[in-house]
Structure formats: structure tokens, C-alpha cells
Amino acid sequence: NGTVARGCCEIEKGYLKDIIERKKINSDGKYTEDGETWIQLP
């Protein structure tokens, strides 16, 4: 029903290494930072 914001995690050997906030992720798992270019997340 719309985009969501998620903290995308980089995990190394079972521990959190990094977390990046992606603010506009659509139902297909694609996010945008500029409202025009959409990047696919696994």
C-alpha cells in the first residue's frame, strides 16, 4: 500500500556491522533516494 522505511543491516559473523536507513522502499524491494532512480535490494 505504499513505501516504507527500513534499517538495512550488514551482518558479519552474526554481529551487526552497519545499519543504513532506506526511507522509501516499495513493495518490490526497490528503494529511491531522489524520487526518480529506483535501486533493487535483495
PDB file of all heavy atoms in Angstrom:
ATOM      1  N   ASN A   1       0.791  -1.229   0.000  1.00  0.00           N
ATOM      2  CA  ASN A   1       0.000   0.000   0.000  1.00  0.00           C
ATOM      3  C   ASN A   1       0.824   1.280   0.000  1.00  0.00           C
ATOM      4  O   ASN A   1       0.276   2.377   0.065  1.00  0.00           O
ATOM      5  CB  ASN A   1      -0.939  -0.004   1.215  1.00  0.00           C
ATOM      6  CG  ASN A   1      -1.928  -1.153   1.167  1.00  0.00           C
ATOM      7  OD1 ASN A   1      -2.682  -1.279   0.207  1.00  0.00           O
ATOM      8  ND2 ASN A   1      -1.913  -1.994   2.188  1.00  0.00           N
ATOM      9  N   GLY A   2       2.143   1.137  -0.092  1.00  0.00           N
ATOM     10  CA  GLY A   2       2.977   2.331  -0.134  1.00  0.00           C
ATOM     11  C   GLY A   2       4.404   2.008   0.259  1.00  0.00           C
ATOM     12  O   GLY A   2       4.739   0.864   0.584  1.00  0.00           O
ATOM     13  N   THR A   3       5.269   3.007   0.231  1.00  0.00           N
ATOM     14  CA  THR A   3       6.670   2.804   0.576  1.00  0.00           C
ATOM     15  C   THR A   3       6.848   2.753   2.089  1.00  0.00           C
ATOM     16  O   THR A   3       6.035   3.285   2.848  1.00  0.00           O
ATOM     17  CB  THR A   3       7.557   3.910  -0.009  1.00  0.00           C
ATOM     18  OG1 THR A   3       7.146   5.188   0.520  1.00  0.00           O
ATOM     19  CG2 THR A   3       7.471   3.935  -1.520  1.00  0.00           C
ATOM     20  N   VAL A   4       7.936   2.108   2.506  1.00  0.00           N
ATOM     21  CA  VAL A   4       8.270   2.004   3.922  1.00  0.00           C
ATOM     22  C   VAL A   4       9.731   2.368   4.123  1.00  0.00           C
ATOM     23  O   VAL A   4      10.523   2.361   3.187  1.00  0.00           O
ATOM     24  CB  VAL A   4       8.010   0.569   4.457  1.00  0.00           C
ATOM     25  CG1 VAL A   4       6.536   0.215   4.347  1.00  0.00           C
ATOM     26  CG2 VAL A   4       8.862  -0.455   3.697  1.00  0.00           C
ATOM     27  N   ALA A   5      10.084   2.691   5.352  1.00  0.00           N
ATOM     28  CA  ALA A   5      11.474   2.944   5.717  1.00  0.00           C
ATOM     29  C   ALA A   5      11.992   1.745   6.503  1.00  0.00           C
ATOM     30  O   ALA A   5      11.292   1.230   7.377  1.00  0.00           O
ATOM     31  CB  ALA A   5      11.589   4.208   6.561  1.00  0.00           C
ATOM     32  N   ARG A   6      13.189   1.309   6.201  1.00  0.00           N
ATOM     33  CA  ARG A   6      13.772   0.165   6.881  1.00  0.00           C
ATOM     34  C   ARG A   6      15.263   0.404   7.133  1.00  0.00           C
ATOM     35  O   ARG A   6      15.961   0.977   6.299  1.00  0.00           O
ATOM     36  CB  ARG A   6      13.612  -1.116   6.044  1.00  0.00           C
ATOM     37  CG  ARG A   6      12.164  -1.552   5.808  1.00  0.00           C
ATOM     38  CD  ARG A   6      11.516  -2.065   7.065  1.00  0.00           C
ATOM     39  NE  ARG A   6      10.137  -2.490   6.874  1.00  0.00           N
ATOM     40  CZ  ARG A   6       9.081  -1.771   7.248  1.00  0.00           C
ATOM     41  NH1 ARG A   6       9.243  -0.589   7.818  1.00  0.00           N
ATOM     42  NH2 ARG A   6       7.854  -2.243   7.075  1.00  0.00           N
ATOM     43  N   GLY A   7      15.727  -0.084   8.273  1.00  0.00           N
ATOM     44  CA  GLY A   7      17.150  -0.059   8.578  1.00  0.00           C
ATOM     45  C   GLY A   7      17.805  -1.302   8.000  1.00  0.00           C
ATOM     46  O   GLY A   7      17.611  -2.410   8.515  1.00  0.00           O
ATOM     47  N   CYS A   8      18.529  -1.164   6.901  1.00  0.00           N
ATOM     48  CA  CYS A   8      19.148  -2.306   6.225  1.00  0.00           C
ATOM     49  C   CYS A   8      20.478  -2.634   6.904  1.00  0.00           C
ATOM     50  O   CYS A   8      21.339  -1.765   7.066  1.00  0.00           O
ATOM     51  CB  CYS A   8      19.368  -1.980   4.750  1.00  0.00           C
ATOM     52  SG  CYS A   8      17.820  -1.693   3.850  1.00  0.00           S
ATOM     53  N   CYS A   9      20.637  -3.894   7.295  1.00  0.00           N
ATOM     54  CA  CYS A   9      21.749  -4.299   8.144  1.00  0.00           C
ATOM     55  C   CYS A   9      22.840  -5.040   7.377  1.00  0.00           C
ATOM     56  O   CYS A   9      22.542  -5.888   6.539  1.00  0.00           O
ATOM     57  CB  CYS A   9      21.241  -5.213   9.261  1.00  0.00           C
ATOM     58  SG  CYS A   9      19.945  -4.475  10.285  1.00  0.00           S
ATOM     59  N   GLU A  10      24.074  -4.715   7.705  1.00  0.00           N
ATOM     60  CA  GLU A  10      25.209  -5.515   7.263  1.00  0.00           C
ATOM     61  C   GLU A  10      25.667  -6.330   8.461  1.00  0.00           C
ATOM     62  O   GLU A  10      25.990  -5.762   9.521  1.00  0.00           O
ATOM     63  CB  GLU A  10      26.348  -4.625   6.765  1.00  0.00           C
ATOM     64  CG  GLU A  10      27.546  -5.415   6.252  1.00  0.00           C
ATOM     65  CD  GLU A  10      28.695  -4.541   5.787  1.00  0.00           C
ATOM     66  OE1 GLU A  10      28.506  -3.311   5.679  1.00  0.00           O
ATOM     67  OE2 GLU A  10      29.791  -5.097   5.547  1.00  0.00           O
ATOM     68  N   ILE A  11      25.639  -7.632   8.315  1.00  0.00           N
ATOM     69  CA  ILE A  11      25.936  -8.524   9.431  1.00  0.00           C
ATOM     70  C   ILE A  11      27.181  -9.341   9.106  1.00  0.00           C
ATOM     71  O   ILE A  11      27.321  -9.873   8.007  1.00  0.00           O
ATOM     72  CB  ILE A  11      24.734  -9.452   9.710  1.00  0.00           C
ATOM     73  CG1 ILE A  11      23.497  -8.610  10.066  1.00  0.00           C
ATOM     74  CG2 ILE A  11      25.050 -10.440  10.829  1.00  0.00           C
ATOM     75  CD1 ILE A  11      22.208  -9.367  10.060  1.00  0.00           C
ATOM     76  N   GLU A  12      28.083  -9.412  10.053  1.00  0.00           N
ATOM     77  CA  GLU A  12      29.335 -10.146   9.855  1.00  0.00           C
ATOM     78  C   GLU A  12      29.550 -11.099  11.025  1.00  0.00           C
ATOM     79  O   GLU A  12      29.621 -10.671  12.188  1.00  0.00           O
ATOM     80  CB  GLU A  12      30.506  -9.163   9.764  1.00  0.00           C
ATOM     81  CG  GLU A  12      31.823  -9.796   9.384  1.00  0.00           C
ATOM     82  CD  GLU A  12      32.912  -8.750   9.187  1.00  0.00           C
ATOM     83  OE1 GLU A  12      33.580  -8.404  10.170  1.00  0.00           O
ATOM     84  OE2 GLU A  12      33.067  -8.275   8.034  1.00  0.00           O
ATOM     85  N   LYS A  13      29.599 -12.406  10.707  1.00  0.00           N
ATOM     86  CA  LYS A  13      29.811 -13.451  11.719  1.00  0.00           C
ATOM     87  C   LYS A  13      28.801 -13.356  12.858  1.00  0.00           C
ATOM     88  O   LYS A  13      29.139 -13.543  14.039  1.00  0.00           O
ATOM     89  CB  LYS A  13      31.235 -13.388  12.258  1.00  0.00           C
ATOM     90  CG  LYS A  13      32.294 -13.660  11.196  1.00  0.00           C
ATOM     91  CD  LYS A  13      33.697 -13.620  11.776  1.00  0.00           C
ATOM     92  CE  LYS A  13      34.746 -13.908  10.689  1.00  0.00           C
ATOM     93  NZ  LYS A  13      36.132 -13.842  11.212  1.00  0.00           N
ATOM     94  N   GLY A  14      27.552 -13.013  12.500  1.00  0.00           N
ATOM     95  CA  GLY A  14      26.488 -12.995  13.481  1.00  0.00           C
ATOM     96  C   GLY A  14      26.339 -11.704  14.259  1.00  0.00           C
ATOM     97  O   GLY A  14      25.479 -11.600  15.136  1.00  0.00           O
ATOM     98  N   TYR A  15      27.162 -10.700  13.927  1.00  0.00           N
ATOM     99  CA  TYR A  15      27.104  -9.422  14.648  1.00  0.00           C
ATOM    100  C   TYR A  15      26.820  -8.272  13.680  1.00  0.00           C
ATOM    101  O   TYR A  15      27.278  -8.279  12.530  1.00  0.00           O
ATOM    102  CB  TYR A  15      28.409  -9.156  15.391  1.00  0.00           C
ATOM    103  CG  TYR A  15      28.567 -10.013  16.628  1.00  0.00           C
ATOM    104  CD1 TYR A  15      29.080 -11.307  16.536  1.00  0.00           C
ATOM    105  CD2 TYR A  15      28.168  -9.548  17.888  1.00  0.00           C
ATOM    106  CE1 TYR A  15      29.205 -12.107  17.658  1.00  0.00           C
ATOM    107  CE2 TYR A  15      28.297 -10.345  19.013  1.00  0.00           C
ATOM    108  CZ  TYR A  15      28.812 -11.624  18.895  1.00  0.00           C
ATOM    109  OH  TYR A  15      28.919 -12.418  20.009  1.00  0.00           O
ATOM    110  N   LEU A  16      26.079  -7.301  14.157  1.00  0.00           N
ATOM    111  CA  LEU A  16      25.755  -6.134  13.346  1.00  0.00           C
ATOM    112  C   LEU A  16      27.020  -5.320  13.087  1.00  0.00           C
ATOM    113  O   LEU A  16      27.730  -4.945  14.021  1.00  0.00           O
ATOM    114  CB  LEU A  16      24.713  -5.273  14.072  1.00  0.00           C
ATOM    115  CG  LEU A  16      24.198  -4.044  13.320  1.00  0.00           C
ATOM    116  CD1 LEU A  16      23.441  -4.456  12.061  1.00  0.00           C
ATOM    117  CD2 LEU A  16      23.301  -3.202  14.237  1.00  0.00           C
ATOM    118  N   LYS A  17      27.278  -5.056  11.812  1.00  0.00           N
ATOM    119  CA  LYS A  17      28.443  -4.270  11.433  1.00  0.00           C
ATOM    120  C   LYS A  17      28.046  -2.865  11.015  1.00  0.00           C
ATOM    121  O   LYS A  17      28.741  -1.895  11.289  1.00  0.00           O
ATOM    122  CB  LYS A  17      29.200  -4.955  10.288  1.00  0.00           C
ATOM    123  CG  LYS A  17      30.471  -4.241   9.866  1.00  0.00           C
ATOM    124  CD  LYS A  17      31.182  -4.999   8.748  1.00  0.00           C
ATOM    125  CE  LYS A  17      32.453  -4.272   8.329  1.00  0.00           C
ATOM    126  NZ  LYS A  17      33.141  -4.990   7.211  1.00  0.00           N
ATOM    127  N   ASP A  18      26.901  -2.749  10.337  1.00  0.00           N
ATOM    128  CA  ASP A  18      26.455  -1.444   9.844  1.00  0.00           C
ATOM    129  C   ASP A  18      24.946  -1.487   9.660  1.00  0.00           C
ATOM    130  O   ASP A  18      24.362  -2.556   9.437  1.00  0.00           O
ATOM    131  CB  ASP A  18      27.137  -1.135   8.507  1.00  0.00           C
ATOM    132  CG  ASP A  18      27.125   0.356   8.185  1.00  0.00           C
ATOM    133  OD1 ASP A  18      26.622   1.145   9.016  1.00  0.00           O
ATOM    134  OD2 ASP A  18      27.605   0.730   7.100  1.00  0.00           O
ATOM    135  N   ILE A  19      24.311  -0.335   9.761  1.00  0.00           N
ATOM    136  CA  ILE A  19      22.879  -0.232   9.526  1.00  0.00           C
ATOM    137  C   ILE A  19      22.610   1.077   8.785  1.00  0.00           C
ATOM    138  O   ILE A  19      23.031   2.140   9.219  1.00  0.00           O
ATOM    139  CB  ILE A  19      22.081  -0.325  10.846  1.00  0.00           C
ATOM    140  CG1 ILE A  19      20.588  -0.301  10.582  1.00  0.00           C
ATOM    141  CG2 ILE A  19      22.502   0.717  11.840  1.00  0.00           C
ATOM    142  CD1 ILE A  19      19.765  -0.715  11.784  1.00  0.00           C
ATOM    143  N   ILE A  20      21.961   0.957   7.642  1.00  0.00           N
ATOM    144  CA  ILE A  20      21.707   2.120   6.791  1.00  0.00           C
ATOM    145  C   ILE A  20      20.201   2.292   6.610  1.00  0.00           C
ATOM    146  O   ILE A  20      19.506   1.357   6.204  1.00  0.00           O
ATOM    147  CB  ILE A  20      22.375   1.956   5.405  1.00  0.00           C
ATOM    148  CG1 ILE A  20      23.891   1.784   5.568  1.00  0.00           C
ATOM    149  CG2 ILE A  20      22.066   3.145   4.512  1.00  0.00           C
ATOM    150  CD1 ILE A  20      24.609   1.446   4.271  1.00  0.00           C
ATOM    151  N   GLU A  21      19.711   3.458   6.903  1.00  0.00           N
ATOM    152  CA  GLU A  21      18.284   3.733   6.781  1.00  0.00           C
ATOM    153  C   GLU A  21      17.910   4.019   5.322  1.00  0.00           C
ATOM    154  O   GLU A  21      18.468   4.925   4.697  1.00  0.00           O
ATOM    155  CB  GLU A  21      17.909   4.949   7.645  1.00  0.00           C
ATOM    156  CG  GLU A  21      16.442   5.297   7.654  1.00  0.00           C
ATOM    157  CD  GLU A  21      15.623   4.445   8.602  1.00  0.00           C
ATOM    158  OE1 GLU A  21      16.202   3.579   9.284  1.00  0.00           O
ATOM    159  OE2 GLU A  21      14.400   4.653   8.664  1.00  0.00           O
ATOM    160  N   ARG A  22      17.016   3.191   4.782  1.00  0.00           N
ATOM    161  CA  ARG A  22      16.453   3.428   3.458  1.00  0.00           C
ATOM    162  C   ARG A  22      15.011   3.871   3.654  1.00  0.00           C
ATOM    163  O   ARG A  22      14.198   3.113   4.178  1.00  0.00           O
ATOM    164  CB  ARG A  22      16.501   2.155   2.606  1.00  0.00           C
ATOM    165  CG  ARG A  22      17.892   1.562   2.425  1.00  0.00           C
ATOM    166  CD  ARG A  22      18.821   2.489   1.678  1.00  0.00           C
ATOM    167  NE  ARG A  22      20.103   1.850   1.369  1.00  0.00           N
ATOM    168  CZ  ARG A  22      21.178   2.505   0.949  1.00  0.00           C
ATOM    169  NH1 ARG A  22      21.124   3.820   0.789  1.00  0.00           N
ATOM    170  NH2 ARG A  22      22.304   1.859   0.695  1.00  0.00           N
ATOM    171  N   LYS A  23      14.692   5.077   3.247  1.00  0.00           N
ATOM    172  CA  LYS A  23      13.416   5.679   3.640  1.00  0.00           C
ATOM    173  C   LYS A  23      12.257   5.400   2.700  1.00  0.00           C
ATOM    174  O   LYS A  23      11.106   5.517   3.090  1.00  0.00           O
ATOM    175  CB  LYS A  23      13.593   7.186   3.827  1.00  0.00           C
ATOM    176  CG  LYS A  23      14.511   7.535   4.991  1.00  0.00           C
ATOM    177  CD  LYS A  23      14.560   9.020   5.255  1.00  0.00           C
ATOM    178  CE  LYS A  23      15.422   9.329   6.474  1.00  0.00           C
ATOM    179  NZ  LYS A  23      15.496  10.788   6.768  1.00  0.00           N
ATOM    180  N   LYS A  24      12.523   5.039   1.476  1.00  0.00           N
ATOM    181  CA  LYS A  24      11.436   4.808   0.531  1.00  0.00           C
ATOM    182  C   LYS A  24      11.666   3.494  -0.204  1.00  0.00           C
ATOM    183  O   LYS A  24      12.307   3.456  -1.250  1.00  0.00           O
ATOM    184  CB  LYS A  24      11.321   5.973  -0.460  1.00  0.00           C
ATOM    185  CG  LYS A  24      10.804   7.259   0.162  1.00  0.00           C
ATOM    186  CD  LYS A  24      10.555   8.327  -0.898  1.00  0.00           C
ATOM    187  CE  LYS A  24       9.967   9.587  -0.277  1.00  0.00           C
ATOM    188  NZ  LYS A  24       9.695  10.625  -1.293  1.00  0.00           N
ATOM    189  N   ILE A  25      11.125   2.412   0.363  1.00  0.00           N
ATOM    190  CA  ILE A  25      11.232   1.086  -0.248  1.00  0.00           C
ATOM    191  C   ILE A  25       9.833   0.646  -0.659  1.00  0.00           C
ATOM    192  O   ILE A  25       8.912   0.630   0.159  1.00  0.00           O
ATOM    193  CB  ILE A  25      11.822   0.051   0.730  1.00  0.00           C
ATOM    194  CG1 ILE A  25      13.140   0.568   1.325  1.00  0.00           C
ATOM    195  CG2 ILE A  25      12.039  -1.280   0.028  1.00  0.00           C
ATOM    196  CD1 ILE A  25      13.736  -0.346   2.373  1.00  0.00           C
ATOM    197  N   ASN A  26       9.672   0.285  -1.940  1.00  0.00           N
ATOM    198  CA  ASN A  26       8.336  -0.101  -2.403  1.00  0.00           C
ATOM    199  C   ASN A  26       8.093  -1.595  -2.214  1.00  0.00           C
ATOM    200  O   ASN A  26       8.939  -2.326  -1.696  1.00  0.00           O
ATOM    201  CB  ASN A  26       8.115   0.335  -3.857  1.00  0.00           C
ATOM    202  CG  ASN A  26       9.011  -0.398  -4.846  1.00  0.00           C
ATOM    203  OD1 ASN A  26       9.562  -1.469  -4.551  1.00  0.00           O
ATOM    204  ND2 ASN A  26       9.158   0.155  -6.046  1.00  0.00           N
ATOM    205  N   SER A  27       6.934  -2.056  -2.639  1.00  0.00           N
ATOM    206  CA  SER A  27       6.538  -3.448  -2.407  1.00  0.00           C
ATOM    207  C   SER A  27       7.384  -4.450  -3.177  1.00  0.00           C
ATOM    208  O   SER A  27       7.357  -5.646  -2.884  1.00  0.00           O
ATOM    209  CB  SER A  27       5.068  -3.640  -2.768  1.00  0.00           C
ATOM    210  OG  SER A  27       4.849  -3.323  -4.142  1.00  0.00           O
ATOM    211  N   ASP A  28       8.150  -3.976  -4.158  1.00  0.00           N
ATOM    212  CA  ASP A  28       9.046  -4.847  -4.924  1.00  0.00           C
ATOM    213  C   ASP A  28      10.454  -4.915  -4.332  1.00  0.00           C
ATOM    214  O   ASP A  28      11.330  -5.580  -4.884  1.00  0.00           O
ATOM    215  CB  ASP A  28       9.153  -4.357  -6.374  1.00  0.00           C
ATOM    216  CG  ASP A  28       7.831  -4.492  -7.125  1.00  0.00           C
ATOM    217  OD1 ASP A  28       7.100  -5.458  -6.842  1.00  0.00           O
ATOM    218  OD2 ASP A  28       7.537  -3.629  -7.971  1.00  0.00           O
ATOM    219  N   GLY A  29      10.679  -4.195  -3.234  1.00  0.00           N
ATOM    220  CA  GLY A  29      12.003  -4.187  -2.629  1.00  0.00           C
ATOM    221  C   GLY A  29      12.964  -3.218  -3.278  1.00  0.00           C
ATOM    222  O   GLY A  29      14.178  -3.325  -3.092  1.00  0.00           O
ATOM    223  N   LYS A  30      12.438  -2.266  -4.018  1.00  0.00           N
ATOM    224  CA  LYS A  30      13.277  -1.235  -4.629  1.00  0.00           C
ATOM    225  C   LYS A  30      13.175   0.051  -3.809  1.00  0.00           C
ATOM    226  O   LYS A  30      12.099   0.398  -3.331  1.00  0.00           O
ATOM    227  CB  LYS A  30      12.842  -0.958  -6.067  1.00  0.00           C
ATOM    228  CG  LYS A  30      13.008  -2.160  -6.997  1.00  0.00           C
ATOM    229  CD  LYS A  30      12.492  -1.826  -8.393  1.00  0.00           C
ATOM    230  CE  LYS A  30      12.634  -3.014  -9.335  1.00  0.00           C
ATOM    231  NZ  LYS A  30      12.078  -2.728 -10.676  1.00  0.00           N
ATOM    232  N   TYR A  31      14.315   0.749  -3.676  1.00  0.00           N
ATOM    233  CA  TYR A  31      14.288   1.998  -2.924  1.00  0.00           C
ATOM    234  C   TYR A  31      14.790   3.148  -3.800  1.00  0.00           C
ATOM    235  O   TYR A  31      15.482   2.943  -4.809  1.00  0.00           O
ATOM    236  CB  TYR A  31      15.132   1.900  -1.656  1.00  0.00           C
ATOM    237  CG  TYR A  31      16.625   1.945  -1.872  1.00  0.00           C
ATOM    238  CD1 TYR A  31      17.331   3.154  -1.818  1.00  0.00           C
ATOM    239  CD2 TYR A  31      17.354   0.783  -2.132  1.00  0.00           C
ATOM    240  CE1 TYR A  31      18.707   3.203  -2.020  1.00  0.00           C
ATOM    241  CE2 TYR A  31      18.724   0.818  -2.327  1.00  0.00           C
ATOM    242  CZ  TYR A  31      19.397   2.033  -2.267  1.00  0.00           C
ATOM    243  OH  TYR A  31      20.761   2.081  -2.476  1.00  0.00           O
ATOM    244  N   THR A  32      14.409   4.348  -3.392  1.00  0.00           N
ATOM    245  CA  THR A  32      14.867   5.547  -4.101  1.00  0.00           C
ATOM    246  C   THR A  32      15.294   6.597  -3.089  1.00  0.00           C
ATOM    247  O   THR A  32      14.731   6.697  -2.000  1.00  0.00           O
ATOM    248  CB  THR A  32      13.763   6.116  -5.007  1.00  0.00           C
ATOM    249  OG1 THR A  32      14.279   7.256  -5.719  1.00  0.00           O
ATOM    250  CG2 THR A  32      12.536   6.538  -4.211  1.00  0.00           C
ATOM    251  N   GLU A  33      16.303   7.356  -3.458  1.00  0.00           N
ATOM    252  CA  GLU A  33      16.749   8.464  -2.618  1.00  0.00           C
ATOM    253  C   GLU A  33      16.417   9.816  -3.240  1.00  0.00           C
ATOM    254  O   GLU A  33      16.336  10.818  -2.542  1.00  0.00           O
ATOM    255  CB  GLU A  33      18.258   8.354  -2.362  1.00  0.00           C
ATOM    256  CG  GLU A  33      18.631   7.121  -1.530  1.00  0.00           C
ATOM    257  CD  GLU A  33      20.116   7.032  -1.264  1.00  0.00           C
ATOM    258  OE1 GLU A  33      20.881   7.771  -1.928  1.00  0.00           O
ATOM    259  OE2 GLU A  33      20.520   6.229  -0.398  1.00  0.00           O
ATOM    260  N   ASP A  34      16.220   9.802  -4.568  1.00  0.00           N
ATOM    261  CA  ASP A  34      15.935  11.061  -5.252  1.00  0.00           C
ATOM    262  C   ASP A  34      14.525  11.110  -5.831  1.00  0.00           C
ATOM    263  O   ASP A  34      14.126  12.119  -6.447  1.00  0.00           O
ATOM    264  CB  ASP A  34      16.958  11.307  -6.364  1.00  0.00           C
ATOM    265  CG  ASP A  34      16.971  10.189  -7.416  1.00  0.00           C
ATOM    266  OD1 ASP A  34      16.060   9.329  -7.404  1.00  0.00           O
ATOM    267  OD2 ASP A  34      17.904  10.166  -8.241  1.00  0.00           O
ATOM    268  N   GLY A  35      13.753  10.032  -5.665  1.00  0.00           N
ATOM    269  CA  GLY A  35      12.387  10.006  -6.176  1.00  0.00           C
ATOM    270  C   GLY A  35      12.301   9.603  -7.642  1.00  0.00           C
ATOM    271  O   GLY A  35      11.200   9.465  -8.181  1.00  0.00           O
ATOM    272  N   GLU A  36      13.426   9.389  -8.292  1.00  0.00           N
ATOM    273  CA  GLU A  36      13.434   9.055  -9.720  1.00  0.00           C
ATOM    274  C   GLU A  36      14.131   7.719 -10.007  1.00  0.00           C
ATOM    275  O   GLU A  36      13.608   6.882 -10.737  1.00  0.00           O
ATOM    276  CB  GLU A  36      14.121  10.178 -10.511  1.00  0.00           C
ATOM    277  CG  GLU A  36      13.373  11.517 -10.442  1.00  0.00           C
ATOM    278  CD  GLU A  36      14.073  12.601 -11.230  1.00  0.00           C
ATOM    279  OE1 GLU A  36      15.116  12.305 -11.870  1.00  0.00           O
ATOM    280  OE2 GLU A  36      13.590  13.751 -11.211  1.00  0.00           O
ATOM    281  N   THR A  37      15.295   7.528  -9.421  1.00  0.00           N
ATOM    282  CA  THR A  37      16.067   6.309  -9.661  1.00  0.00           C
ATOM    283  C   THR A  37      15.748   5.270  -8.588  1.00  0.00           C
ATOM    284  O   THR A  37      15.854   5.557  -7.387  1.00  0.00           O
ATOM    285  CB  THR A  37      17.581   6.609  -9.637  1.00  0.00           C
ATOM    286  OG1 THR A  37      17.873   7.617 -10.605  1.00  0.00           O
ATOM    287  CG2 THR A  37      18.369   5.342  -9.956  1.00  0.00           C
ATOM    288  N   TRP A  38      15.349   4.067  -9.019  1.00  0.00           N
ATOM    289  CA  TRP A  38      14.996   3.002  -8.090  1.00  0.00           C
ATOM    290  C   TRP A  38      16.055   1.905  -8.138  1.00  0.00           C
ATOM    291  O   TRP A  38      16.449   1.457  -9.206  1.00  0.00           O
ATOM    292  CB  TRP A  38      13.617   2.437  -8.428  1.00  0.00           C
ATOM    293  CG  TRP A  38      12.517   3.422  -8.166  1.00  0.00           C
ATOM    294  CD1 TRP A  38      12.087   4.408  -9.000  1.00  0.00           C
ATOM    295  CD2 TRP A  38      11.754   3.543  -6.968  1.00  0.00           C
ATOM    296  NE1 TRP A  38      11.076   5.136  -8.397  1.00  0.00           N
ATOM    297  CE2 TRP A  38      10.860   4.619  -7.155  1.00  0.00           C
ATOM    298  CE3 TRP A  38      11.721   2.839  -5.763  1.00  0.00           C
ATOM    299  CZ2 TRP A  38       9.947   5.016  -6.168  1.00  0.00           C
ATOM    300  CZ3 TRP A  38      10.818   3.226  -4.780  1.00  0.00           C
ATOM    301  CH2 TRP A  38       9.943   4.302  -4.982  1.00  0.00           C
ATOM    302  N   ILE A  39      16.508   1.495  -6.963  1.00  0.00           N
ATOM    303  CA  ILE A  39      17.576   0.506  -6.834  1.00  0.00           C
ATOM    304  C   ILE A  39      17.029  -0.733  -6.137  1.00  0.00           C
ATOM    305  O   ILE A  39      16.407  -0.634  -5.078  1.00  0.00           O
ATOM    306  CB  ILE A  39      18.755   1.088  -6.033  1.00  0.00           C
ATOM    307  CG1 ILE A  39      19.281   2.359  -6.709  1.00  0.00           C
ATOM    308  CG2 ILE A  39      19.869   0.053  -5.876  1.00  0.00           C
ATOM    309  CD1 ILE A  39      20.248   3.152  -5.865  1.00  0.00           C
ATOM    310  N   GLN A  40      17.268  -1.889  -6.739  1.00  0.00           N
ATOM    311  CA  GLN A  40      16.742  -3.142  -6.188  1.00  0.00           C
ATOM    312  C   GLN A  40      17.577  -3.633  -5.008  1.00  0.00           C
ATOM    313  O   GLN A  40      18.799  -3.737  -5.092  1.00  0.00           O
ATOM    314  CB  GLN A  40      16.718  -4.221  -7.271  1.00  0.00           C
ATOM    315  CG  GLN A  40      16.155  -5.553  -6.802  1.00  0.00           C
ATOM    316  CD  GLN A  40      14.660  -5.494  -6.551  1.00  0.00           C
ATOM    317  OE1 GLN A  40      13.891  -5.146  -7.457  1.00  0.00           O
ATOM    318  NE2 GLN A  40      14.242  -5.819  -5.339  1.00  0.00           N
ATOM    319  N   LEU A  41      16.901  -3.931  -3.915  1.00  0.00           N
ATOM    320  CA  LEU A  41      17.542  -4.581  -2.775  1.00  0.00           C
ATOM    321  C   LEU A  41      17.256  -6.080  -2.836  1.00  0.00           C
ATOM    322  O   LEU A  41      16.157  -6.482  -3.231  1.00  0.00           O
ATOM    323  CB  LEU A  41      16.982  -4.026  -1.457  1.00  0.00           C
ATOM    324  CG  LEU A  41      17.374  -2.596  -1.086  1.00  0.00           C
ATOM    325  CD1 LEU A  41      16.496  -2.090   0.051  1.00  0.00           C
ATOM    326  CD2 LEU A  41      18.844  -2.526  -0.688  1.00  0.00           C
ATOM    327  N   PRO A  42      18.202  -6.927  -2.439  1.00  0.00           N
ATOM    328  CA  PRO A  42      17.911  -8.360  -2.362  1.00  0.00           C
ATOM    329  C   PRO A  42      16.734  -8.616  -1.425  1.00  0.00           C
ATOM    330  O   PRO A  42      16.611  -7.962  -0.383  1.00  0.00           O
ATOM    331  CB  PRO A  42      19.215  -8.954  -1.800  1.00  0.00           C
ATOM    332  CG  PRO A  42      20.274  -7.961  -2.162  1.00  0.00           C
ATOM    333  CD  PRO A  42      19.608  -6.621  -2.087  1.00  0.00           C
TER     334      PRO A  42
END
